[in-house]
PDB file of N, CA and C in Angstrom:
ATOM      1  N   MET A   1       0.836  -1.185   0.000  1.00  0.00           N
ATOM      2  CA  MET A   1       0.000   0.000   0.000  1.00  0.00           C
ATOM      3  C   MET A   1       0.874   1.239   0.000  1.00  0.00           C
ATOM      4  N   ASP A   2       0.460   2.249  -0.751  1.00  0.00           N
ATOM      5  CA  ASP A   2       1.195   3.505  -0.836  1.00  0.00           C
ATOM      6  C   ASP A   2       0.844   4.369   0.370  1.00  0.00           C
ATOM      7  N   TRP A   3       1.826   4.651   1.221  1.00  0.00           N
ATOM      8  CA  TRP A   3       1.580   5.416   2.443  1.00  0.00           C
ATOM      9  C   TRP A   3       1.588   6.913   2.196  1.00  0.00           C
ATOM     10  N   MET A   4       1.904   7.345   0.997  1.00  0.00           N
ATOM     11  CA  MET A   4       1.986   8.767   0.713  1.00  0.00           C
ATOM     12  C   MET A   4       0.754   9.212  -0.084  1.00  0.00           C
ATOM     13  N   CYS A   5      -0.418   9.004   0.448  1.00  0.00           N
ATOM     14  CA  CYS A   5      -1.659   9.384  -0.226  1.00  0.00           C
ATOM     15  C   CYS A   5      -1.882  10.881  -0.094  1.00  0.00           C
ATOM     16  N   GLY A   6      -2.813  11.388  -0.891  1.00  0.00           N
ATOM     17  CA  GLY A   6      -3.030  12.819  -1.005  1.00  0.00           C
ATOM     18  C   GLY A   6      -3.571  13.548   0.212  1.00  0.00           C
ATOM     19  N   TRP A   7      -4.315  12.884   1.067  1.00  0.00           N
ATOM     20  CA  TRP A   7      -4.879  13.602   2.203  1.00  0.00           C
ATOM     21  C   TRP A   7      -5.049  12.665   3.392  1.00  0.00           C
ATOM     22  N   GLN A   8      -5.288  13.248   4.570  1.00  0.00           N
ATOM     23  CA  GLN A   8      -5.512  12.470   5.782  1.00  0.00           C
ATOM     24  C   GLN A   8      -6.741  13.022   6.494  1.00  0.00           C
ATOM     25  N   PRO A   9      -7.642  12.154   6.922  1.00  0.00           N
ATOM     26  CA  PRO A   9      -8.831  12.631   7.635  1.00  0.00           C
ATOM     27  C   PRO A   9      -8.483  13.125   9.031  1.00  0.00           C
ATOM     28  N   ASN A  10      -9.330  14.002   9.558  1.00  0.00           N
ATOM     29  CA  ASN A  10      -9.202  14.443  10.945  1.00  0.00           C
ATOM     30  C   ASN A  10      -9.665  13.314  11.859  1.00  0.00           C
ATOM     31  N   VAL A  11      -8.967  13.118  12.980  1.00  0.00           N
ATOM     32  CA  VAL A  11      -9.358  12.075  13.936  1.00  0.00           C
ATOM     33  C   VAL A  11      -9.308  12.614  15.361  1.00  0.00           C
ATOM     34  N   ASP A  12     -10.159  12.027  16.194  1.00  0.00           N
ATOM     35  CA  ASP A  12     -10.102  12.227  17.641  1.00  0.00           C
ATOM     36  C   ASP A  12      -9.709  10.890  18.247  1.00  0.00           C
ATOM     37  N   VAL A  13      -8.818  10.914  19.241  1.00  0.00           N
ATOM     38  CA  VAL A  13      -8.409   9.702  19.947  1.00  0.00           C
ATOM     39  C   VAL A  13      -8.641   9.960  21.434  1.00  0.00           C
ATOM     40  N   VAL A  14      -9.482   9.110  22.049  1.00  0.00           N
ATOM     41  CA  VAL A  14      -9.874   9.310  23.444  1.00  0.00           C
ATOM     42  C   VAL A  14      -9.724   8.001  24.203  1.00  0.00           C
ATOM     43  N   ILE A  15      -9.185   8.085  25.410  1.00  0.00           N
ATOM     44  CA  ILE A  15      -9.169   6.913  26.296  1.00  0.00           C
ATOM     45  C   ILE A  15     -10.378   7.039  27.209  1.00  0.00           C
ATOM     46  N   ASP A  16     -11.309   6.085  27.084  1.00  0.00           N
ATOM     47  CA  ASP A  16     -12.489   6.028  27.938  1.00  0.00           C
ATOM     48  C   ASP A  16     -12.112   5.186  29.158  1.00  0.00           C
ATOM     49  N   GLU A  17     -11.829   5.865  30.264  1.00  0.00           N
ATOM     50  CA  GLU A  17     -11.372   5.184  31.480  1.00  0.00           C
ATOM     51  C   GLU A  17     -12.438   4.241  32.035  1.00  0.00           C
ATOM     52  N   GLY A  18     -13.716   4.638  31.919  1.00  0.00           N
ATOM     53  CA  GLY A  18     -14.801   3.831  32.464  1.00  0.00           C
ATOM     54  C   GLY A  18     -14.900   2.464  31.818  1.00  0.00           C
ATOM     55  N   SER A  19     -14.808   2.421  30.492  1.00  0.00           N
ATOM     56  CA  SER A  19     -14.934   1.142  29.789  1.00  0.00           C
ATOM     57  C   SER A  19     -13.569   0.556  29.408  1.00  0.00           C
ATOM     58  N   ARG A  20     -12.493   1.227  29.797  1.00  0.00           N
ATOM     59  CA  ARG A  20     -11.118   0.802  29.465  1.00  0.00           C
ATOM     60  C   ARG A  20     -10.998   0.530  27.972  1.00  0.00           C
ATOM     61  N   THR A  21     -11.386   1.553  27.190  1.00  0.00           N
ATOM     62  CA  THR A  21     -11.374   1.446  25.739  1.00  0.00           C
ATOM     63  C   THR A  21     -10.719   2.681  25.130  1.00  0.00           C
ATOM     64  N   LEU A  22      -9.911   2.450  24.102  1.00  0.00           N
ATOM     65  CA  LEU A  22      -9.364   3.533  23.302  1.00  0.00           C
ATOM     66  C   LEU A  22     -10.334   3.732  22.142  1.00  0.00           C
ATOM     67  N   VAL A  23     -10.872   4.934  22.010  1.00  0.00           N
ATOM     68  CA  VAL A  23     -11.850   5.222  20.968  1.00  0.00           C
ATOM     69  C   VAL A  23     -11.239   6.183  19.952  1.00  0.00           C
ATOM     70  N   VAL A  24     -11.285   5.778  18.677  1.00  0.00           N
ATOM     71  CA  VAL A  24     -10.783   6.604  17.581  1.00  0.00           C
ATOM     72  C   VAL A  24     -11.971   6.948  16.689  1.00  0.00           C
ATOM     73  N   ARG A  25     -12.188   8.240  16.448  1.00  0.00           N
ATOM     74  CA  ARG A  25     -13.256   8.690  15.553  1.00  0.00           C
ATOM     75  C   ARG A  25     -12.616   9.450  14.404  1.00  0.00           C
ATOM     76  N   ALA A  26     -12.907   9.013  13.177  1.00  0.00           N
ATOM     77  CA  ALA A  26     -12.352   9.645  11.980  1.00  0.00           C
ATOM     78  C   ALA A  26     -13.466  10.302  11.183  1.00  0.00           C
ATOM     79  N   GLU A  27     -13.215  11.522  10.745  1.00  0.00           N
ATOM     80  CA  GLU A  27     -14.170  12.293   9.961  1.00  0.00           C
ATOM     81  C   GLU A  27     -14.009  11.907   8.486  1.00  0.00           C
ATOM     82  N   LEU A  28     -14.971  11.131   7.962  1.00  0.00           N
ATOM     83  CA  LEU A  28     -14.840  10.574   6.610  1.00  0.00           C
ATOM     84  C   LEU A  28     -16.096  10.788   5.767  1.00  0.00           C
ATOM     85  N   ALA A  29     -16.722  11.940   5.879  1.00  0.00           N
ATOM     86  CA  ALA A  29     -17.941  12.207   5.114  1.00  0.00           C
ATOM     87  C   ALA A  29     -17.688  11.973   3.627  1.00  0.00           C
ATOM     88  N   GLY A  30     -18.593  11.221   3.006  1.00  0.00           N
ATOM     89  CA  GLY A  30     -18.502  10.956   1.576  1.00  0.00           C
ATOM     90  C   GLY A  30     -17.573   9.829   1.194  1.00  0.00           C
ATOM     91  N   ALA A  31     -16.930   9.185   2.162  1.00  0.00           N
ATOM     92  CA  ALA A  31     -16.023   8.074   1.853  1.00  0.00           C
ATOM     93  C   ALA A  31     -16.837   6.858   1.423  1.00  0.00           C
ATOM     94  N   ASP A  32     -16.266   6.093   0.509  1.00  0.00           N
ATOM     95  CA  ASP A  32     -16.887   4.846   0.056  1.00  0.00           C
ATOM     96  C   ASP A  32     -16.715   3.813   1.169  1.00  0.00           C
ATOM     97  N   SER A  33     -17.812   3.404   1.802  1.00  0.00           N
ATOM     98  CA  SER A  33     -17.719   2.495   2.951  1.00  0.00           C
ATOM     99  C   SER A  33     -17.083   1.160   2.579  1.00  0.00           C
ATOM    100  N   ASP A  34     -17.249   0.711   1.331  1.00  0.00           N
ATOM    101  CA  ASP A  34     -16.619  -0.544   0.908  1.00  0.00           C
ATOM    102  C   ASP A  34     -15.102  -0.432   0.800  1.00  0.00           C
ATOM    103  N   SER A  35     -14.582   0.783   0.676  1.00  0.00           N
ATOM    104  CA  SER A  35     -13.135   0.961   0.543  1.00  0.00           C
ATOM    105  C   SER A  35     -12.431   1.095   1.888  1.00  0.00           C
ATOM    106  N   LEU A  36     -13.180   1.282   2.973  1.00  0.00           N
ATOM    107  CA  LEU A  36     -12.569   1.523   4.279  1.00  0.00           C
ATOM    108  C   LEU A  36     -11.876   0.272   4.814  1.00  0.00           C
ATOM    109  N   ARG A  37     -10.643   0.437   5.271  1.00  0.00           N
ATOM    110  CA  ARG A  37      -9.850  -0.640   5.869  1.00  0.00           C
ATOM    111  C   ARG A  37      -9.231  -0.127   7.158  1.00  0.00           C
ATOM    112  N   VAL A  38      -9.247  -0.984   8.194  1.00  0.00           N
ATOM    113  CA  VAL A  38      -8.651  -0.668   9.483  1.00  0.00           C
ATOM    114  C   VAL A  38      -7.730  -1.813   9.839  1.00  0.00           C
ATOM    115  N   PHE A  39      -6.469  -1.504  10.160  1.00  0.00           N
ATOM    116  CA  PHE A  39      -5.555  -2.568  10.563  1.00  0.00           C
ATOM    117  C   PHE A  39      -4.500  -2.047  11.513  1.00  0.00           C
ATOM    118  N   LEU A  40      -3.889  -2.986  12.243  1.00  0.00           N
ATOM    119  CA  LEU A  40      -2.858  -2.677  13.235  1.00  0.00           C
ATOM    120  C   LEU A  40      -1.514  -3.207  12.774  1.00  0.00           C
ATOM    121  N   ASP A  41      -0.465  -2.478  13.142  1.00  0.00           N
ATOM    122  CA  ASP A  41       0.901  -2.892  12.850  1.00  0.00           C
ATOM    123  C   ASP A  41       1.766  -2.359  13.992  1.00  0.00           C
ATOM    124  N   ASP A  42       2.290  -3.240  14.829  1.00  0.00           N
ATOM    125  CA  ASP A  42       3.051  -2.834  16.012  1.00  0.00           C
ATOM    126  C   ASP A  42       2.184  -1.938  16.896  1.00  0.00           C
ATOM    127  N   GLN A  43       2.620  -0.697  17.082  1.00  0.00           N
ATOM    128  CA  GLN A  43       1.903   0.218  17.971  1.00  0.00           C
ATOM    129  C   GLN A  43       1.148   1.286  17.184  1.00  0.00           C
ATOM    130  N   ARG A  44       0.727   0.980  15.961  1.00  0.00           N
ATOM    131  CA  ARG A  44       0.033   1.945  15.123  1.00  0.00           C
ATOM    132  C   ARG A  44      -1.271   1.366  14.588  1.00  0.00           C
ATOM    133  N   LEU A  45      -2.255   2.235  14.475  1.00  0.00           N
ATOM    134  CA  LEU A  45      -3.527   1.916  13.846  1.00  0.00           C
ATOM    135  C   LEU A  45      -3.547   2.638  12.505  1.00  0.00           C
ATOM    136  N   TYR A  46      -3.954   1.948  11.460  1.00  0.00           N
ATOM    137  CA  TYR A  46      -4.035   2.546  10.129  1.00  0.00           C
ATOM    138  C   TYR A  46      -5.477   2.509   9.650  1.00  0.00           C
ATOM    139  N   ILE A  47      -5.904   3.616   9.081  1.00  0.00           N
ATOM    140  CA  ILE A  47      -7.215   3.717   8.450  1.00  0.00           C
ATOM    141  C   ILE A  47      -6.965   4.140   7.014  1.00  0.00           C
ATOM    142  N   SER A  48      -7.528   3.384   6.072  1.00  0.00           N
ATOM    143  CA  SER A  48      -7.359   3.762   4.668  1.00  0.00           C
ATOM    144  C   SER A  48      -8.698   3.645   3.953  1.00  0.00           C
ATOM    145  N   GLY A  49      -8.784   4.294   2.812  1.00  0.00           N
ATOM    146  CA  GLY A  49     -10.004   4.246   2.019  1.00  0.00           C
ATOM    147  C   GLY A  49      -9.963   5.245   0.889  1.00  0.00           C
ATOM    148  N   ARG A  50     -11.160   5.584   0.424  1.00  0.00           N
ATOM    149  CA  ARG A  50     -11.265   6.461  -0.743  1.00  0.00           C
ATOM    150  C   ARG A  50     -12.524   7.305  -0.635  1.00  0.00           C
ATOM    151  N   ARG A  51     -12.386   8.575  -0.982  1.00  0.00           N
ATOM    152  CA  ARG A  51     -13.539   9.453  -1.144  1.00  0.00           C
ATOM    153  C   ARG A  51     -13.593   9.800  -2.631  1.00  0.00           C
ATOM    154  N   ALA A  52     -14.769   9.620  -3.238  1.00  0.00           N
ATOM    155  CA  ALA A  52     -14.919   9.834  -4.682  1.00  0.00           C
ATOM    156  C   ALA A  52     -14.498  11.250  -5.062  1.00  0.00           C
ATOM    157  N   LYS A  53     -13.863  11.341  -6.204  1.00  0.00           N
ATOM    158  CA  LYS A  53     -13.446  12.653  -6.712  1.00  0.00           C
ATOM    159  C   LYS A  53     -14.686  13.482  -7.034  1.00  0.00           C
ATOM    160  N   THR A  54     -14.578  14.764  -6.781  1.00  0.00           N
ATOM    161  CA  THR A  54     -15.681  15.676  -7.036  1.00  0.00           C
ATOM    162  C   THR A  54     -15.929  15.794  -8.533  1.00  0.00           C
ATOM    163  N   ALA A  55     -17.178  15.684  -8.917  1.00  0.00           N
ATOM    164  CA  ALA A  55     -17.528  15.804 -10.335  1.00  0.00           C
ATOM    165  C   ALA A  55     -17.341  17.248 -10.791  1.00  0.00           C
ATOM    166  N   ARG A  56     -16.712  17.404 -11.921  1.00  0.00           N
ATOM    167  CA  ARG A  56     -16.538  18.747 -12.494  1.00  0.00           C
ATOM    168  C   ARG A  56     -17.796  19.132 -13.255  1.00  0.00           C
ATOM    169  N   LEU A  57     -18.180  20.359 -13.124  1.00  0.00           N
ATOM    170  CA  LEU A  57     -19.348  20.857 -13.832  1.00  0.00           C
ATOM    171  C   LEU A  57     -18.931  21.345 -15.214  1.00  0.00           C
ATOM    172  N   ARG A  58     -19.752  21.088 -16.195  1.00  0.00           N
ATOM    173  CA  ARG A  58     -19.455  21.590 -17.545  1.00  0.00           C
ATOM    174  C   ARG A  58     -19.538  23.107 -17.535  1.00  0.00           C
ATOM    175  N   GLY A  59     -18.517  23.729 -18.074  1.00  0.00           N
ATOM    176  CA  GLY A  59     -18.516  25.186 -18.178  1.00  0.00           C
ATOM    177  C   GLY A  59     -18.296  25.898 -16.859  1.00  0.00           C
ATOM    178  N   GLY A  60     -17.924  25.181 -15.812  1.00  0.00           N
ATOM    179  CA  GLY A  60     -17.711  25.809 -14.512  1.00  0.00           C
ATOM    180  C   GLY A  60     -16.335  25.493 -13.971  1.00  0.00           C
ATOM    181  N   SER A  61     -15.930  26.209 -12.961  1.00  0.00           N
ATOM    182  CA  SER A  61     -14.655  25.940 -12.304  1.00  0.00           C
ATOM    183  C   SER A  61     -14.781  26.290 -10.828  1.00  0.00           C
ATOM    184  N   PHE A  62     -13.924  25.699 -10.020  1.00  0.00           N
ATOM    185  CA  PHE A  62     -13.964  25.949  -8.585  1.00  0.00           C
ATOM    186  C   PHE A  62     -13.548  27.386  -8.294  1.00  0.00           C
ATOM    187  N   VAL A  63     -14.250  27.994  -7.381  1.00  0.00           N
ATOM    188  CA  VAL A  63     -13.856  29.282  -6.841  1.00  0.00           C
ATOM    189  C   VAL A  63     -13.099  29.038  -5.538  1.00  0.00           C
ATOM    190  N   GLN A  64     -13.534  28.000  -4.814  1.00  0.00           N
ATOM    191  CA  GLN A  64     -12.886  27.601  -3.565  1.00  0.00           C
ATOM    192  C   GLN A  64     -13.046  26.097  -3.413  1.00  0.00           C
ATOM    193  N   LYS A  65     -11.956  25.389  -3.092  1.00  0.00           N
ATOM    194  CA  LYS A  65     -12.023  23.941  -2.900  1.00  0.00           C
ATOM    195  C   LYS A  65     -11.232  23.589  -1.652  1.00  0.00           C
ATOM    196  N   GLU A  66     -11.937  23.102  -0.632  1.00  0.00           N
ATOM    197  CA  GLU A  66     -11.302  22.725   0.631  1.00  0.00           C
ATOM    198  C   GLU A  66     -11.530  21.273   0.992  1.00  0.00           C
ATOM    199  N   ILE A  67     -12.450  20.591   0.306  1.00  0.00           N
ATOM    200  CA  ILE A  67     -12.752  19.209   0.631  1.00  0.00           C
ATOM    201  C   ILE A  67     -11.867  18.301  -0.209  1.00  0.00           C
ATOM    202  N   ALA A  68     -10.995  17.560   0.476  1.00  0.00           N
ATOM    203  CA  ALA A  68     -10.064  16.664  -0.209  1.00  0.00           C
ATOM    204  C   ALA A  68     -10.798  15.418  -0.682  1.00  0.00           C
ATOM    205  N   ASP A  69     -10.314  14.837  -1.771  1.00  0.00           N
ATOM    206  CA  ASP A  69     -10.903  13.603  -2.268  1.00  0.00           C
ATOM    207  C   ASP A  69      -9.803  12.682  -2.765  1.00  0.00           C
ATOM    208  N   GLY A  70     -10.202  11.484  -3.169  1.00  0.00           N
ATOM    209  CA  GLY A  70      -9.236  10.482  -3.609  1.00  0.00           C
ATOM    210  C   GLY A  70      -8.879   9.530  -2.477  1.00  0.00           C
ATOM    211  N   ASP A  71      -7.770   8.812  -2.647  1.00  0.00           N
ATOM    212  CA  ASP A  71      -7.324   7.831  -1.648  1.00  0.00           C
ATOM    213  C   ASP A  71      -6.727   8.528  -0.431  1.00  0.00           C
ATOM    214  N   PHE A  72      -6.859   7.878   0.730  1.00  0.00           N
ATOM    215  CA  PHE A  72      -6.267   8.418   1.952  1.00  0.00           C
ATOM    216  C   PHE A  72      -5.749   7.287   2.827  1.00  0.00           C
ATOM    217  N   VAL A  73      -4.791   7.626   3.683  1.00  0.00           N
ATOM    218  CA  VAL A  73      -4.294   6.742   4.736  1.00  0.00           C
ATOM    219  C   VAL A  73      -4.009   7.609   5.953  1.00  0.00           C
ATOM    220  N   LYS A  74      -4.467   7.164   7.101  1.00  0.00           N
ATOM    221  CA  LYS A  74      -4.188   7.856   8.358  1.00  0.00           C
ATOM    222  C   LYS A  74      -3.516   6.869   9.294  1.00  0.00           C
ATOM    223  N   SER A  75      -2.398   7.257   9.871  1.00  0.00           N
ATOM    224  CA  SER A  75      -1.653   6.428  10.813  1.00  0.00           C
ATOM    225  C   SER A  75      -1.736   7.088  12.186  1.00  0.00           C
ATOM    226  N   ILE A  76      -2.118   6.293  13.188  1.00  0.00           N
ATOM    227  CA  ILE A  76      -2.279   6.805  14.541  1.00  0.00           C
ATOM    228  C   ILE A  76      -1.466   5.945  15.494  1.00  0.00           C
ATOM    229  N   ARG A  77      -0.569   6.583  16.260  1.00  0.00           N
ATOM    230  CA  ARG A  77       0.212   5.855  17.263  1.00  0.00           C
ATOM    231  C   ARG A  77      -0.685   5.518  18.441  1.00  0.00           C
ATOM    232  N   LEU A  78      -0.689   4.264  18.837  1.00  0.00           N
ATOM    233  CA  LEU A  78      -1.505   3.824  19.959  1.00  0.00           C
ATOM    234  C   LEU A  78      -0.775   4.100  21.275  1.00  0.00           C
ATOM    235  N   PRO A  79      -1.398   4.817  22.201  1.00  0.00           N
ATOM    236  CA  PRO A  79      -0.736   5.139  23.466  1.00  0.00           C
ATOM    237  C   PRO A  79      -0.784   4.010  24.490  1.00  0.00           C
ATOM    238  N   VAL A  80      -1.588   2.978  24.213  1.00  0.00           N
ATOM    239  CA  VAL A  80      -1.741   1.840  25.127  1.00  0.00           C
ATOM    240  C   VAL A  80      -1.804   0.557  24.315  1.00  0.00           C
ATOM    241  N   ALA A  81      -1.544  -0.567  24.971  1.00  0.00           N
ATOM    242  CA  ALA A  81      -1.701  -1.870  24.312  1.00  0.00           C
ATOM    243  C   ALA A  81      -3.192  -2.186  24.234  1.00  0.00           C
ATOM    244  N   VAL A  82      -3.613  -2.778  23.113  1.00  0.00           N
ATOM    245  CA  VAL A  82      -5.030  -3.079  22.926  1.00  0.00           C
ATOM    246  C   VAL A  82      -5.240  -4.574  22.707  1.00  0.00           C
ATOM    247  N   ALA A  83      -6.464  -5.022  23.019  1.00  0.00           N
ATOM    248  CA  ALA A  83      -6.849  -6.415  22.796  1.00  0.00           C
ATOM    249  C   ALA A  83      -7.291  -6.529  21.335  1.00  0.00           C
ATOM    250  N   GLN A  84      -6.384  -6.960  20.474  1.00  0.00           N
ATOM    251  CA  GLN A  84      -6.621  -6.934  19.036  1.00  0.00           C
ATOM    252  C   GLN A  84      -7.831  -7.747  18.598  1.00  0.00           C
ATOM    253  N   SER A  85      -8.131  -8.834  19.268  1.00  0.00           N
ATOM    254  CA  SER A  85      -9.233  -9.702  18.850  1.00  0.00           C
ATOM    255  C   SER A  85     -10.609  -9.118  19.178  1.00  0.00           C
ATOM    256  N   GLU A  86     -10.654  -8.018  19.945  1.00  0.00           N
ATOM    257  CA  GLU A  86     -11.936  -7.457  20.380  1.00  0.00           C
ATOM    258  C   GLU A  86     -12.245  -6.095  19.761  1.00  0.00           C
ATOM    259  N   ILE A  87     -11.503  -5.673  18.757  1.00  0.00           N
ATOM    260  CA  ILE A  87     -11.692  -4.358  18.137  1.00  0.00           C
ATOM    261  C   ILE A  87     -12.961  -4.357  17.289  1.00  0.00           C
ATOM    262  N   THR A  88     -13.733  -3.268  17.387  1.00  0.00           N
ATOM    263  CA  THR A  88     -14.923  -3.115  16.560  1.00  0.00           C
ATOM    264  C   THR A  88     -14.867  -1.767  15.849  1.00  0.00           C
ATOM    265  N   ALA A  89     -15.550  -1.680  14.690  1.00  0.00           N
ATOM    266  CA  ALA A  89     -15.600  -0.431  13.935  1.00  0.00           C
ATOM    267  C   ALA A  89     -16.987  -0.249  13.346  1.00  0.00           C
ATOM    268  N   THR A  90     -17.486   0.994  13.386  1.00  0.00           N
ATOM    269  CA  THR A  90     -18.761   1.326  12.770  1.00  0.00           C
ATOM    270  C   THR A  90     -18.596   2.607  11.958  1.00  0.00           C
ATOM    271  N   TYR A  91     -19.342   2.702  10.859  1.00  0.00           N
ATOM    272  CA  TYR A  91     -19.306   3.887   9.999  1.00  0.00           C
ATOM    273  C   TYR A  91     -20.729   4.401   9.870  1.00  0.00           C
ATOM    274  N   GLU A  92     -20.983   5.587  10.423  1.00  0.00           N
ATOM    275  CA  GLU A  92     -22.320   6.141  10.427  1.00  0.00           C
ATOM    276  C   GLU A  92     -22.256   7.662  10.354  1.00  0.00           C
ATOM    277  N   ASP A  93     -23.088   8.238   9.498  1.00  0.00           N
ATOM    278  CA  ASP A  93     -23.182   9.691   9.338  1.00  0.00           C
ATOM    279  C   ASP A  93     -21.823  10.332   9.056  1.00  0.00           C
ATOM    280  N   GLY A  94     -20.991   9.647   8.265  1.00  0.00           N
ATOM    281  CA  GLY A  94     -19.698  10.203   7.883  1.00  0.00           C
ATOM    282  C   GLY A  94     -18.601  10.068   8.913  1.00  0.00           C
ATOM    283  N   LEU A  95     -18.877   9.394  10.032  1.00  0.00           N
ATOM    284  CA  LEU A  95     -17.868   9.189  11.074  1.00  0.00           C
ATOM    285  C   LEU A  95     -17.567   7.706  11.225  1.00  0.00           C
ATOM    286  N   LEU A  96     -16.284   7.372  11.153  1.00  0.00           N
ATOM    287  CA  LEU A  96     -15.831   6.011  11.429  1.00  0.00           C
ATOM    288  C   LEU A  96     -15.406   5.982  12.891  1.00  0.00           C
ATOM    289  N   THR A  97     -16.043   5.112  13.680  1.00  0.00           N
ATOM    290  CA  THR A  97     -15.710   4.986  15.098  1.00  0.00           C
ATOM    291  C   THR A  97     -15.113   3.606  15.333  1.00  0.00           C
ATOM    292  N   ILE A  98     -13.894   3.594  15.878  1.00  0.00           N
ATOM    293  CA  ILE A  98     -13.179   2.351  16.145  1.00  0.00           C
ATOM    294  C   ILE A  98     -13.003   2.249  17.656  1.00  0.00           C
ATOM    295  N   ALA A  99     -13.477   1.139  18.237  1.00  0.00           N
ATOM    296  CA  ALA A  99     -13.341   0.901  19.677  1.00  0.00           C
ATOM    297  C   ALA A  99     -12.289  -0.177  19.881  1.00  0.00           C
ATOM    298  N   LEU A 100     -11.215   0.172  20.577  1.00  0.00           N
ATOM    299  CA  LEU A 100     -10.099  -0.741  20.826  1.00  0.00           C
ATOM    300  C   LEU A 100      -9.996  -0.981  22.330  1.00  0.00           C
ATOM    301  N   PRO A 101     -10.500  -2.105  22.837  1.00  0.00           N
ATOM    302  CA  PRO A 101     -10.397  -2.385  24.270  1.00  0.00           C
ATOM    303  C   PRO A 101      -8.926  -2.420  24.714  1.00  0.00           C
ATOM    304  N   ILE A 102      -8.662  -1.787  25.839  1.00  0.00           N
ATOM    305  CA  ILE A 102      -7.297  -1.759  26.375  1.00  0.00           C
ATOM    306  C   ILE A 102      -6.966  -3.133  26.930  1.00  0.00           C
ATOM    307  N   SER A 103      -5.805  -3.650  26.556  1.00  0.00           N
ATOM    308  CA  SER A 103      -5.388  -4.981  26.981  1.00  0.00           C
ATOM    309  C   SER A 103      -5.057  -4.999  28.470  1.00  0.00           C
ATOM    310  N   PRO A 104      -5.616  -5.953  29.210  1.00  0.00           N
ATOM    311  CA  PRO A 104      -5.280  -6.051  30.631  1.00  0.00           C
ATOM    312  C   PRO A 104      -3.946  -6.758  30.861  1.00  0.00           C
ATOM    313  N   HIS A 105      -3.380  -7.378  29.813  1.00  0.00           N
ATOM    314  CA  HIS A 105      -2.179  -8.200  29.973  1.00  0.00           C
ATOM    315  C   HIS A 105      -0.900  -7.535  29.483  1.00  0.00           C
ATOM    316  N   GLU A 106      -1.014  -6.654  28.514  1.00  0.00           N
ATOM    317  CA  GLU A 106       0.178  -6.038  27.944  1.00  0.00           C
ATOM    318  C   GLU A 106       0.253  -4.580  28.380  1.00  0.00           C
ATOM    319  N   TYR A 107       1.461  -4.054  28.309  1.00  0.00           N
ATOM    320  CA  TYR A 107       1.674  -2.682  28.728  1.00  0.00           C
ATOM    321  C   TYR A 107       2.672  -2.023  27.794  1.00  0.00           C
ATOM    322  N   ILE A 108       2.319  -0.853  27.310  1.00  0.00           N
ATOM    323  CA  ILE A 108       3.260  -0.059  26.512  1.00  0.00           C
ATOM    324  C   ILE A 108       3.701   1.092  27.405  1.00  0.00           C
ATOM    325  N   PRO A 109       4.982   1.155  27.752  1.00  0.00           N
ATOM    326  CA  PRO A 109       5.427   2.243  28.621  1.00  0.00           C
ATOM    327  C   PRO A 109       5.240   3.595  27.937  1.00  0.00           C
ATOM    328  N   ALA A 110       4.760   4.556  28.687  1.00  0.00           N
ATOM    329  CA  ALA A 110       4.549   5.895  28.138  1.00  0.00           C
ATOM    330  C   ALA A 110       5.832   6.692  28.318  1.00  0.00           C
ATOM    331  N   ALA A 111       6.471   7.008  27.233  1.00  0.00           N
ATOM    332  CA  ALA A 111       7.685   7.824  27.273  1.00  0.00           C
ATOM    333  C   ALA A 111       7.342   9.203  26.737  1.00  0.00           C
ATOM    334  N   ARG A 112       7.737  10.204  27.451  1.00  0.00           N
ATOM    335  CA  ARG A 112       7.440  11.565  27.036  1.00  0.00           C
ATOM    336  C   ARG A 112       8.728  12.353  27.037  1.00  0.00           C
ATOM    337  N   THR A 113       8.993  13.027  25.953  1.00  0.00           N
ATOM    338  CA  THR A 113      10.192  13.833  25.837  1.00  0.00           C
ATOM    339  C   THR A 113       9.786  15.279  25.670  1.00  0.00           C
ATOM    340  N   GLU A 114      10.313  16.121  26.524  1.00  0.00           N
ATOM    341  CA  GLU A 114      10.028  17.544  26.427  1.00  0.00           C
ATOM    342  C   GLU A 114      11.263  18.238  25.890  1.00  0.00           C
ATOM    343  N   ILE A 115      11.072  19.053  24.895  1.00  0.00           N
ATOM    344  CA  ILE A 115      12.178  19.802  24.299  1.00  0.00           C
ATOM    345  C   ILE A 115      11.988  21.264  24.645  1.00  0.00           C
ATOM    346  N   ARG A 116      12.983  21.828  25.299  1.00  0.00           N
ATOM    347  CA  ARG A 116      12.914  23.245  25.657  1.00  0.00           C
ATOM    348  C   ARG A 116      13.723  24.041  24.646  1.00  0.00           C
ATOM    349  N   MET A 117      13.101  25.126  24.186  1.00  0.00           N
ATOM    350  CA  MET A 117      13.801  25.968  23.209  1.00  0.00           C
ATOM    351  C   MET A 117      13.314  27.392  23.336  1.00  0.00           C
ATOM    352  N   ILE A 118      14.116  28.280  22.794  1.00  0.00           N
ATOM    353  CA  ILE A 118      13.748  29.685  22.749  1.00  0.00           C
ATOM    354  C   ILE A 118      13.343  29.983  21.312  1.00  0.00           C
ATOM    355  N   VAL A 119      12.160  30.558  21.163  1.00  0.00           N
ATOM    356  CA  VAL A 119      11.678  30.918  19.842  1.00  0.00           C
ATOM    357  C   VAL A 119      11.882  32.411  19.684  1.00  0.00           C
ATOM    358  N   LYS A 120      12.678  32.780  18.677  1.00  0.00           N
ATOM    359  CA  LYS A 120      12.973  34.198  18.451  1.00  0.00           C
ATOM    360  C   LYS A 120      12.070  34.734  17.366  1.00  0.00           C
ATOM    361  N   ARG A 121      11.598  35.926  17.578  1.00  0.00           N
ATOM    362  CA  ARG A 121      10.766  36.593  16.591  1.00  0.00           C
ATOM    363  C   ARG A 121      11.668  37.344  15.627  1.00  0.00           C
ATOM    364  N   VAL A 122      11.454  37.133  14.352  1.00  0.00           N
ATOM    365  CA  VAL A 122      12.256  37.812  13.333  1.00  0.00           C
ATOM    366  C   VAL A 122      11.501  39.040  12.881  1.00  0.00           C
ATOM    367  N   LEU A 123      12.144  40.184  13.007  1.00  0.00           N
ATOM    368  CA  LEU A 123      11.521  41.439  12.594  1.00  0.00           C
ATOM    369  C   LEU A 123      11.852  41.698  11.131  1.00  0.00           C
ATOM    370  N   ALA A 124      10.862  42.052  10.378  1.00  0.00           N
ATOM    371  CA  ALA A 124      11.075  42.316   8.937  1.00  0.00           C
ATOM    372  C   ALA A 124      11.586  43.703   8.694  1.00  0.00           C
TER     373      ALA A 124
END
């Protein structure tokens, strides 16, 4: 699969402490539901698919175009280990919701690196 696709959907990633589930919601309005694929590789979740190209109007041209179309791939680093056999996904009203139960047996250590720097303003 080509990882350098033209666009990436917006996603929210939330840890639901009550249900011990990692929830990923991807904004995919207009995506072809048959093209949607969700898979795991190491500590990453991948979402791929396709949104149909916008039909061009005869004798017209875009004045403004902000909605991306074509193939997409989104890669999300998982902050916790998940129970891979229990993952579910639903696509409704343009939102893909993926529920990844947090694994009670595995642990991914959370490493956080803080970089301190001085940002200088350049005067023109």
